C-alpha atoms as a PDB file:
ATOM      1  CA  UNK A   1      61.418 -61.349 -38.949  1.00  0.00           C
ATOM      2  CA  UNK A   2      63.107 -64.229 -40.621  1.00  0.00           C
ATOM      3  CA  UNK A   3      66.771 -65.165 -41.746  1.00  0.00           C
ATOM      4  CA  UNK A   4      68.036 -67.337 -44.494  1.00  0.00           C
ATOM      5  CA  UNK A   5      71.253 -69.516 -44.487  1.00  0.00           C
ATOM      6  CA  UNK A   6      71.960 -71.699 -47.697  1.00  0.00           C
ATOM      7  CA  UNK A   7      68.246 -73.793 -47.282  1.00  0.00           C
ATOM      8  CA  UNK A   8      68.025 -73.155 -43.502  1.00  0.00           C
ATOM      9  CA  UNK A   9      65.099 -70.083 -42.255  1.00  0.00           C
ATOM     10  CA  UNK A  10      65.079 -68.933 -38.423  1.00  0.00           C
ATOM     11  CA  UNK A  11      61.917 -67.089 -37.882  1.00  0.00           C
ATOM     12  CA  UNK A  12      61.291 -65.124 -34.742  1.00  0.00           C
ATOM     13  CA  UNK A  13      58.020 -64.980 -33.323  1.00  0.00           C
ATOM     14  CA  UNK A  14      57.720 -62.063 -31.081  1.00  0.00           C
ATOM     15  CA  UNK A  15      54.031 -61.563 -30.590  1.00  0.00           C
ATOM     16  CA  UNK A  16      51.760 -63.840 -28.473  1.00  0.00           C
ATOM     17  CA  UNK A  17      50.224 -66.942 -30.396  1.00  0.00           C
ATOM     18  CA  UNK A  18      46.870 -66.760 -29.682  1.00  0.00           C
ATOM     19  CA  UNK A  19      43.616 -66.653 -31.398  1.00  0.00           C
ATOM     20  CA  UNK A  20      43.130 -63.423 -32.130  1.00  0.00           C
ATOM     21  CA  UNK A  21      46.659 -63.769 -34.214  1.00  0.00           C
ATOM     22  CA  UNK A  22      45.904 -66.437 -35.825  1.00  0.00           C
ATOM     23  CA  UNK A  23      45.078 -66.099 -39.341  1.00  0.00           C
ATOM     24  CA  UNK A  24      48.339 -63.658 -39.840  1.00  0.00           C
ATOM     25  CA  UNK A  25      50.344 -65.777 -37.871  1.00  0.00           C
ATOM     26  CA  UNK A  26      49.536 -68.873 -39.875  1.00  0.00           C
ATOM     27  CA  UNK A  27      50.197 -67.595 -43.592  1.00  0.00           C
ATOM     28  CA  UNK A  28      53.582 -65.790 -41.756  1.00  0.00           C
ATOM     29  CA  UNK A  29      54.216 -69.091 -40.663  1.00  0.00           C
ATOM     30  CA  UNK A  30      53.541 -71.339 -43.817  1.00  0.00           C
ATOM     31  CA  UNK A  31      55.352 -68.659 -45.816  1.00  0.00           C
ATOM     32  CA  UNK A  32      58.813 -69.407 -43.979  1.00  0.00           C
ATOM     33  CA  UNK A  33      58.405 -73.140 -44.329  1.00  0.00           C
ATOM     34  CA  UNK A  34      57.719 -72.911 -48.382  1.00  0.00           C
ATOM     35  CA  UNK A  35      60.998 -70.873 -48.271  1.00  0.00           C
ATOM     36  CA  UNK A  36      63.216 -73.572 -47.113  1.00  0.00           C
ATOM     37  CA  UNK A  37      64.158 -76.696 -46.423  1.00  0.00           C
ATOM     38  CA  UNK A  38      64.943 -76.061 -42.285  1.00  0.00           C
ATOM     39  CA  UNK A  39      62.759 -73.885 -40.573  1.00  0.00           C
ATOM     40  CA  UNK A  40      63.996 -73.239 -37.237  1.00  0.00           C
ATOM     41  CA  UNK A  41      60.811 -71.288 -35.068  1.00  0.00           C
ATOM     42  CA  UNK A  42      62.278 -69.045 -32.533  1.00  0.00           C
ATOM     43  CA  UNK A  43      59.491 -68.476 -29.717  1.00  0.00           C
ATOM     44  CA  UNK A  44      61.505 -66.860 -26.915  1.00  0.00           C
ATOM     45  CA  UNK A  45      59.694 -63.753 -27.262  1.00  0.00           C
ATOM     46  CA  UNK A  46      56.085 -65.567 -26.853  1.00  0.00           C
ATOM     47  CA  UNK A  47      54.562 -64.004 -23.853  1.00  0.00           C
ATOM     48  CA  UNK A  48      50.805 -66.002 -24.357  1.00  0.00           C
ATOM     49  CA  UNK A  49      50.183 -68.797 -26.159  1.00  0.00           C
ATOM     50  CA  UNK A  50      46.524 -70.223 -26.636  1.00  0.00           C
ATOM     51  CA  UNK A  51      45.150 -73.512 -27.956  1.00  0.00           C
ATOM     52  CA  UNK A  52      44.861 -72.023 -31.032  1.00  0.00           C
ATOM     53  CA  UNK A  53      48.935 -70.877 -31.091  1.00  0.00           C
ATOM     54  CA  UNK A  54      49.770 -74.526 -30.715  1.00  0.00           C
ATOM     55  CA  UNK A  55      47.597 -75.307 -32.994  1.00  0.00           C
ATOM     56  CA  UNK A  56      49.500 -73.483 -35.408  1.00  0.00           C
ATOM     57  CA  UNK A  57      52.921 -75.585 -34.665  1.00  0.00           C
ATOM     58  CA  UNK A  58      51.098 -78.770 -34.953  1.00  0.00           C
ATOM     59  CA  UNK A  59      50.382 -77.513 -38.194  1.00  0.00           C
ATOM     60  CA  UNK A  60      53.306 -76.172 -39.287  1.00  0.00           C
ATOM     61  CA  UNK A  61      55.327 -79.482 -38.007  1.00  0.00           C
ATOM     62  CA  UNK A  62      52.602 -81.720 -39.969  1.00  0.00           C
ATOM     63  CA  UNK A  63      53.195 -79.758 -43.007  1.00  0.00           C
ATOM     64  CA  UNK A  64      57.139 -79.905 -42.958  1.00  0.00           C
ATOM     65  CA  UNK A  65      56.633 -83.604 -42.148  1.00  0.00           C
ATOM     66  CA  UNK A  66      54.492 -83.920 -45.572  1.00  0.00           C
ATOM     67  CA  UNK A  67      57.017 -81.825 -47.635  1.00  0.00           C
ATOM     68  CA  UNK A  68      60.294 -83.834 -46.514  1.00  0.00           C
ATOM     69  CA  UNK A  69      61.377 -80.333 -44.397  1.00  0.00           C
ATOM     70  CA  UNK A  70      62.307 -80.249 -41.063  1.00  0.00           C
ATOM     71  CA  UNK A  71      61.124 -77.668 -38.371  1.00  0.00           C
ATOM     72  CA  UNK A  72      62.427 -77.080 -34.782  1.00  0.00           C
ATOM     73  CA  UNK A  73      61.444 -75.071 -31.960  1.00  0.00           C
ATOM     74  CA  UNK A  74      64.973 -73.512 -30.989  1.00  0.00           C
ATOM     75  CA  UNK A  75      63.962 -71.312 -28.706  1.00  0.00           C
ATOM     76  CA  UNK A  76      60.427 -71.330 -25.628  1.00  0.00           C
ATOM     77  CA  UNK A  77      59.354 -68.884 -23.482  1.00  0.00           C
ATOM     78  CA  UNK A  78      57.472 -70.035 -20.254  1.00  0.00           C
ATOM     79  CA  UNK A  79      54.097 -69.729 -21.557  1.00  0.00           C
ATOM     80  CA  UNK A  80      55.183 -71.846 -24.709  1.00  0.00           C
ATOM     81  CA  UNK A  81      56.797 -74.714 -22.259  1.00  0.00           C
ATOM     82  CA  UNK A  82      53.671 -74.315 -20.100  1.00  0.00           C
ATOM     83  CA  UNK A  83      51.667 -75.425 -22.663  1.00  0.00           C
ATOM     84  CA  UNK A  84      53.864 -77.619 -24.490  1.00  0.00           C
ATOM     85  CA  UNK A  85      53.743 -79.758 -20.879  1.00  0.00           C
ATOM     86  CA  UNK A  86      50.164 -79.413 -20.610  1.00  0.00           C
ATOM     87  CA  UNK A  87      49.517 -81.587 -23.915  1.00  0.00           C
ATOM     88  CA  UNK A  88      52.558 -83.619 -23.026  1.00  0.00           C
ATOM     89  CA  UNK A  89      54.023 -82.609 -26.359  1.00  0.00           C
ATOM     90  CA  UNK A  90      57.368 -82.097 -26.119  1.00  0.00           C
ATOM     91  CA  UNK A  91      58.278 -85.015 -27.224  1.00  0.00           C
ATOM     92  CA  UNK A  92      56.778 -84.848 -30.463  1.00  0.00           C
ATOM     93  CA  UNK A  93      58.793 -81.607 -31.616  1.00  0.00           C
ATOM     94  CA  UNK A  94      61.657 -83.414 -30.082  1.00  0.00           C
ATOM     95  CA  UNK A  95      63.372 -80.244 -29.848  1.00  0.00           C
ATOM     96  CA  UNK A  96      65.985 -79.579 -26.571  1.00  0.00           C
ATOM     97  CA  UNK A  97      63.609 -76.735 -24.016  1.00  0.00           C
ATOM     98  CA  UNK A  98      65.733 -73.909 -23.473  1.00  0.00           C
ATOM     99  CA  UNK A  99      64.268 -71.341 -20.962  1.00  0.00           C
ATOM    100  CA  UNK A 100      65.183 -67.538 -20.975  1.00  0.00           C
ATOM    101  CA  UNK A 101      67.032 -67.440 -17.191  1.00  0.00           C
END
């Protein structure tokens, strides 16, 4: 589900970010980025993330930078923060990490 507000869009990913649904999510992420100047990704409902899901985040961030747009992670599930920590990439995305208590 995406919400738009004056050039800013929030996209909530509520499925696992794994190889099994990567094609659909890639299309969804790039379409959302294409339709705004600032994309906020809410990943709080992501139950599982594998390397493919992480690569989708990297792709979206890279495409945002190339298009002179911003992409932020606004909410993180434990599986997302675990993977960001595993690859030591939290600072690359530069977003504060909020965990659901």
